[in-house]
Amino acid sequence: MSENLIKFAVATNNEIFDPEWNGGEWMVAHVETHETIEQFIESSNNWAERTAPKFGEIGGFKFVAWANCQAVKGQTRDSMSVVDLGDIRIALPGTDLTNF
């Protein structure tokens, strides 16, 4: 568990990731990725549907969020955020970090 992940947990009141629950537990769906935020934005241009990206910072970590998106036609539409924790990015399907 990285120091940055713990800082992110504190910034989100442990609602996304709780470092104390079961030795560190994600509270939401997540995917670790090495893609940059810029690469996510670029690939979102090819998604079936998406709202305009919203940019922000939480706990000192930059993120991009879509209120509603559908990567491939036929999939469900949902929110999506990608946060840059420095050494890795975390994609959070179903989570809009602008709500924090």
N, C-alpha and C. Protein backbone atom coordinates (compact mmCIF):
# COMPACT_ATOMS: atom_id res chain seq x y z
N MET A 1 0.86 -1.17 0.00
CA MET A 1 0.00 0.00 0.00
C MET A 1 0.91 1.23 0.00
N SER A 2 0.74 2.07 -1.02
CA SER A 2 1.62 3.22 -1.16
C SER A 2 1.17 4.39 -0.28
N GLU A 3 2.11 5.26 0.00
CA GLU A 3 1.82 6.47 0.77
C GLU A 3 0.79 7.33 0.04
N ASN A 4 0.89 7.39 -1.29
CA ASN A 4 -0.07 8.18 -2.07
C ASN A 4 -1.48 7.61 -1.98
N LEU A 5 -1.60 6.30 -1.96
CA LEU A 5 -2.92 5.68 -1.83
C LEU A 5 -3.54 6.02 -0.47
N ILE A 6 -2.72 6.04 0.56
CA ILE A 6 -3.21 6.41 1.90
C ILE A 6 -3.65 7.87 1.91
N LYS A 7 -2.88 8.76 1.27
CA LYS A 7 -3.26 10.18 1.19
C LYS A 7 -4.58 10.34 0.44
N PHE A 8 -4.74 9.58 -0.64
CA PHE A 8 -5.98 9.62 -1.41
C PHE A 8 -7.15 9.14 -0.55
N ALA A 9 -6.93 8.09 0.22
CA ALA A 9 -7.98 7.57 1.11
C ALA A 9 -8.41 8.63 2.11
N VAL A 10 -7.46 9.33 2.70
CA VAL A 10 -7.78 10.39 3.66
C VAL A 10 -8.58 11.49 2.98
N ALA A 11 -8.18 11.88 1.76
CA ALA A 11 -8.85 12.96 1.03
C ALA A 11 -10.29 12.61 0.67
N THR A 12 -10.58 11.32 0.54
CA THR A 12 -11.94 10.88 0.19
C THR A 12 -12.66 10.24 1.38
N ASN A 13 -12.19 10.56 2.57
CA ASN A 13 -12.82 10.07 3.81
C ASN A 13 -12.96 8.55 3.85
N ASN A 14 -12.01 7.85 3.24
CA ASN A 14 -12.01 6.38 3.17
C ASN A 14 -13.24 5.81 2.47
N GLU A 15 -13.93 6.62 1.69
CA GLU A 15 -15.13 6.14 0.98
C GLU A 15 -14.78 5.41 -0.32
N ILE A 16 -13.59 5.66 -0.86
CA ILE A 16 -13.15 5.00 -2.10
C ILE A 16 -12.22 3.83 -1.75
N PHE A 17 -11.26 4.10 -0.91
CA PHE A 17 -10.32 3.08 -0.42
C PHE A 17 -10.15 3.29 1.08
N ASP A 18 -10.23 2.21 1.84
CA ASP A 18 -10.07 2.29 3.29
C ASP A 18 -8.84 1.47 3.68
N PRO A 19 -7.74 2.14 4.04
CA PRO A 19 -6.52 1.41 4.37
C PRO A 19 -6.61 0.60 5.66
N GLU A 20 -7.59 0.88 6.48
CA GLU A 20 -7.71 0.18 7.76
C GLU A 20 -8.67 -1.01 7.71
N TRP A 21 -9.49 -1.09 6.69
CA TRP A 21 -10.47 -2.18 6.58
C TRP A 21 -9.79 -3.39 5.96
N ASN A 22 -9.71 -4.48 6.70
CA ASN A 22 -9.11 -5.74 6.21
C ASN A 22 -7.70 -5.54 5.66
N GLY A 23 -6.94 -4.64 6.24
CA GLY A 23 -5.58 -4.41 5.78
C GLY A 23 -5.50 -3.60 4.50
N GLY A 24 -6.57 -2.95 4.12
CA GLY A 24 -6.63 -2.13 2.91
C GLY A 24 -7.63 -2.70 1.93
N GLU A 25 -8.76 -2.03 1.79
CA GLU A 25 -9.84 -2.57 0.97
C GLU A 25 -10.46 -1.47 0.12
N TRP A 26 -10.70 -1.77 -1.15
CA TRP A 26 -11.41 -0.85 -2.03
C TRP A 26 -12.90 -0.92 -1.73
N MET A 27 -13.53 0.23 -1.63
CA MET A 27 -14.96 0.31 -1.35
C MET A 27 -15.78 0.41 -2.63
N VAL A 28 -15.11 0.65 -3.75
CA VAL A 28 -15.76 0.78 -5.06
C VAL A 28 -14.98 -0.04 -6.08
N ALA A 29 -15.59 -0.24 -7.25
CA ALA A 29 -14.88 -0.92 -8.34
C ALA A 29 -13.67 -0.07 -8.74
N HIS A 30 -12.57 -0.73 -9.07
CA HIS A 30 -11.37 0.00 -9.46
C HIS A 30 -10.53 -0.87 -10.39
N VAL A 31 -9.72 -0.21 -11.19
CA VAL A 31 -8.78 -0.90 -12.07
C VAL A 31 -7.48 -0.11 -12.04
N GLU A 32 -6.37 -0.76 -11.73
CA GLU A 32 -5.07 -0.10 -11.80
C GLU A 32 -4.64 -0.06 -13.26
N THR A 33 -4.08 1.07 -13.68
CA THR A 33 -3.65 1.21 -15.06
C THR A 33 -2.38 2.04 -15.14
N HIS A 34 -1.61 1.78 -16.17
CA HIS A 34 -0.42 2.60 -16.41
C HIS A 34 -0.71 3.66 -17.46
N GLU A 35 -1.92 3.64 -18.03
CA GLU A 35 -2.31 4.70 -18.97
C GLU A 35 -2.36 6.02 -18.24
N THR A 36 -1.91 7.07 -18.89
CA THR A 36 -1.97 8.40 -18.28
C THR A 36 -3.38 8.97 -18.41
N ILE A 37 -3.64 10.02 -17.67
CA ILE A 37 -4.93 10.70 -17.79
C ILE A 37 -5.11 11.19 -19.22
N GLU A 38 -4.05 11.71 -19.81
CA GLU A 38 -4.12 12.20 -21.19
C GLU A 38 -4.50 11.07 -22.15
N GLN A 39 -3.96 9.87 -21.94
CA GLN A 39 -4.30 8.73 -22.80
C GLN A 39 -5.76 8.33 -22.61
N PHE A 40 -6.27 8.41 -21.39
CA PHE A 40 -7.69 8.13 -21.16
C PHE A 40 -8.57 9.13 -21.89
N ILE A 41 -8.21 10.40 -21.83
CA ILE A 41 -8.99 11.44 -22.50
C ILE A 41 -8.98 11.19 -24.00
N GLU A 42 -7.81 10.87 -24.54
CA GLU A 42 -7.70 10.59 -25.98
C GLU A 42 -8.55 9.38 -26.37
N SER A 43 -8.49 8.31 -25.60
CA SER A 43 -9.27 7.12 -25.95
C SER A 43 -10.76 7.35 -25.77
N SER A 44 -11.14 8.28 -24.87
CA SER A 44 -12.57 8.55 -24.67
C SER A 44 -13.22 9.14 -25.92
N ASN A 45 -12.41 9.70 -26.81
CA ASN A 45 -12.95 10.21 -28.07
C ASN A 45 -13.55 9.11 -28.93
N ASN A 46 -13.18 7.86 -28.66
CA ASN A 46 -13.70 6.72 -29.42
C ASN A 46 -14.79 5.96 -28.68
N TRP A 47 -15.16 6.42 -27.48
CA TRP A 47 -16.23 5.76 -26.74
C TRP A 47 -17.56 5.98 -27.44
N ALA A 48 -18.51 5.10 -27.21
CA ALA A 48 -19.84 5.21 -27.83
C ALA A 48 -20.52 6.50 -27.40
N GLU A 49 -20.44 6.83 -26.12
CA GLU A 49 -21.03 8.06 -25.58
C GLU A 49 -20.21 8.55 -24.41
N ARG A 50 -20.21 9.86 -24.20
CA ARG A 50 -19.57 10.40 -23.00
C ARG A 50 -19.98 11.85 -22.83
N THR A 51 -20.06 12.27 -21.59
CA THR A 51 -20.24 13.69 -21.30
C THR A 51 -18.88 14.36 -21.39
N ALA A 52 -18.86 15.66 -21.31
CA ALA A 52 -17.59 16.39 -21.33
C ALA A 52 -16.76 16.00 -20.10
N PRO A 53 -15.46 15.84 -20.28
CA PRO A 53 -14.62 15.50 -19.13
C PRO A 53 -14.53 16.69 -18.17
N LYS A 54 -14.50 16.37 -16.88
CA LYS A 54 -14.32 17.38 -15.84
C LYS A 54 -12.98 17.10 -15.16
N PHE A 55 -12.22 18.14 -14.94
CA PHE A 55 -10.89 17.98 -14.36
C PHE A 55 -10.88 18.55 -12.95
N GLY A 56 -10.11 17.92 -12.09
CA GLY A 56 -10.02 18.41 -10.73
C GLY A 56 -8.81 17.85 -10.03
N GLU A 57 -8.76 18.15 -8.75
CA GLU A 57 -7.68 17.67 -7.90
C GLU A 57 -8.27 17.34 -6.54
N ILE A 58 -7.86 16.23 -6.00
CA ILE A 58 -8.33 15.82 -4.68
C ILE A 58 -7.14 15.29 -3.89
N GLY A 59 -6.90 15.88 -2.75
CA GLY A 59 -5.76 15.47 -1.93
C GLY A 59 -4.43 15.69 -2.62
N GLY A 60 -4.38 16.62 -3.58
CA GLY A 60 -3.16 16.88 -4.32
C GLY A 60 -2.98 15.99 -5.55
N PHE A 61 -3.96 15.14 -5.84
CA PHE A 61 -3.87 14.23 -6.99
C PHE A 61 -4.83 14.67 -8.08
N LYS A 62 -4.32 14.80 -9.29
CA LYS A 62 -5.15 15.22 -10.42
C LYS A 62 -6.06 14.07 -10.86
N PHE A 63 -7.25 14.45 -11.34
CA PHE A 63 -8.16 13.45 -11.86
C PHE A 63 -8.97 14.03 -13.01
N VAL A 64 -9.55 13.12 -13.78
CA VAL A 64 -10.54 13.46 -14.80
C VAL A 64 -11.76 12.60 -14.51
N ALA A 65 -12.94 13.18 -14.74
CA ALA A 65 -14.18 12.44 -14.47
C ALA A 65 -15.19 12.71 -15.56
N TRP A 66 -15.99 11.71 -15.84
CA TRP A 66 -17.12 11.83 -16.76
C TRP A 66 -18.37 11.51 -15.96
N ALA A 67 -19.36 12.37 -16.01
CA ALA A 67 -20.60 12.14 -15.27
C ALA A 67 -21.34 10.94 -15.83
N ASN A 68 -21.20 10.72 -17.14
CA ASN A 68 -21.89 9.62 -17.80
C ASN A 68 -21.08 9.21 -19.02
N CYS A 69 -20.81 7.93 -19.15
CA CYS A 69 -20.07 7.47 -20.32
C CYS A 69 -20.45 6.02 -20.63
N GLN A 70 -20.19 5.66 -21.87
CA GLN A 70 -20.43 4.30 -22.35
C GLN A 70 -19.28 4.00 -23.30
N ALA A 71 -18.36 3.15 -22.87
CA ALA A 71 -17.18 2.86 -23.69
C ALA A 71 -17.56 2.14 -24.98
N VAL A 72 -18.44 1.17 -24.89
CA VAL A 72 -18.84 0.37 -26.04
C VAL A 72 -20.36 0.30 -26.09
N LYS A 73 -20.92 0.50 -27.27
CA LYS A 73 -22.37 0.41 -27.42
C LYS A 73 -22.85 -0.93 -26.88
N GLY A 74 -23.93 -0.89 -26.11
CA GLY A 74 -24.47 -2.09 -25.50
C GLY A 74 -24.10 -2.21 -24.02
N GLN A 75 -23.00 -1.55 -23.62
CA GLN A 75 -22.65 -1.55 -22.20
C GLN A 75 -23.51 -0.54 -21.46
N THR A 76 -23.58 -0.68 -20.16
CA THR A 76 -24.34 0.29 -19.37
C THR A 76 -23.61 1.63 -19.35
N ARG A 77 -24.40 2.68 -19.17
CA ARG A 77 -23.83 4.02 -19.03
C ARG A 77 -23.63 4.28 -17.54
N ASP A 78 -22.50 4.87 -17.21
CA ASP A 78 -22.20 5.14 -15.81
C ASP A 78 -21.14 6.23 -15.73
N SER A 79 -20.90 6.71 -14.54
CA SER A 79 -19.83 7.68 -14.34
C SER A 79 -18.49 6.95 -14.36
N MET A 80 -17.42 7.74 -14.49
CA MET A 80 -16.07 7.17 -14.53
C MET A 80 -15.09 8.25 -14.12
N SER A 81 -14.14 7.89 -13.29
CA SER A 81 -13.06 8.79 -12.91
C SER A 81 -11.74 8.06 -13.07
N VAL A 82 -10.70 8.83 -13.36
CA VAL A 82 -9.34 8.31 -13.39
C VAL A 82 -8.50 9.28 -12.56
N VAL A 83 -7.84 8.76 -11.54
CA VAL A 83 -7.01 9.58 -10.66
C VAL A 83 -5.55 9.17 -10.80
N ASP A 84 -4.67 10.16 -10.84
CA ASP A 84 -3.24 9.92 -10.99
C ASP A 84 -2.58 9.94 -9.62
N LEU A 85 -2.13 8.77 -9.16
CA LEU A 85 -1.47 8.67 -7.87
C LEU A 85 0.05 8.72 -7.99
N GLY A 86 0.54 9.16 -9.13
CA GLY A 86 1.98 9.29 -9.34
C GLY A 86 2.56 8.11 -10.07
N ASP A 87 2.77 7.00 -9.36
CA ASP A 87 3.36 5.83 -9.99
C ASP A 87 2.35 4.99 -10.75
N ILE A 88 1.08 5.21 -10.47
CA ILE A 88 0.02 4.45 -11.13
C ILE A 88 -1.25 5.28 -11.17
N ARG A 89 -2.11 4.97 -12.12
CA ARG A 89 -3.41 5.61 -12.20
C ARG A 89 -4.46 4.58 -11.80
N ILE A 90 -5.54 5.07 -11.22
CA ILE A 90 -6.64 4.21 -10.82
C ILE A 90 -7.88 4.66 -11.57
N ALA A 91 -8.48 3.75 -12.35
CA ALA A 91 -9.75 4.01 -13.01
C ALA A 91 -10.85 3.55 -12.06
N LEU A 92 -11.86 4.40 -11.91
CA LEU A 92 -12.94 4.14 -10.96
C LEU A 92 -14.28 4.16 -11.69
N PRO A 93 -14.66 3.05 -12.35
CA PRO A 93 -15.96 3.01 -13.00
C PRO A 93 -17.08 3.11 -11.97
N GLY A 94 -18.07 3.93 -12.27
CA GLY A 94 -19.19 4.11 -11.35
C GLY A 94 -18.95 5.17 -10.29
N THR A 95 -17.83 5.86 -10.38
CA THR A 95 -17.48 6.89 -9.40
C THR A 95 -17.17 8.20 -10.10
N ASP A 96 -17.77 9.28 -9.63
CA ASP A 96 -17.50 10.62 -10.14
C ASP A 96 -16.83 11.41 -9.02
N LEU A 97 -15.52 11.59 -9.11
CA LEU A 97 -14.77 12.25 -8.04
C LEU A 97 -15.12 13.72 -7.88
N THR A 98 -15.82 14.31 -8.84
CA THR A 98 -16.22 15.71 -8.66
C THR A 98 -17.26 15.83 -7.56
N ASN A 99 -17.82 14.73 -7.09
CA ASN A 99 -18.79 14.75 -6.00
C ASN A 99 -18.14 14.83 -4.62
N PHE A 100 -16.80 14.83 -4.56
CA PHE A 100 -16.11 14.93 -3.27
C PHE A 100 -15.68 16.36 -3.02
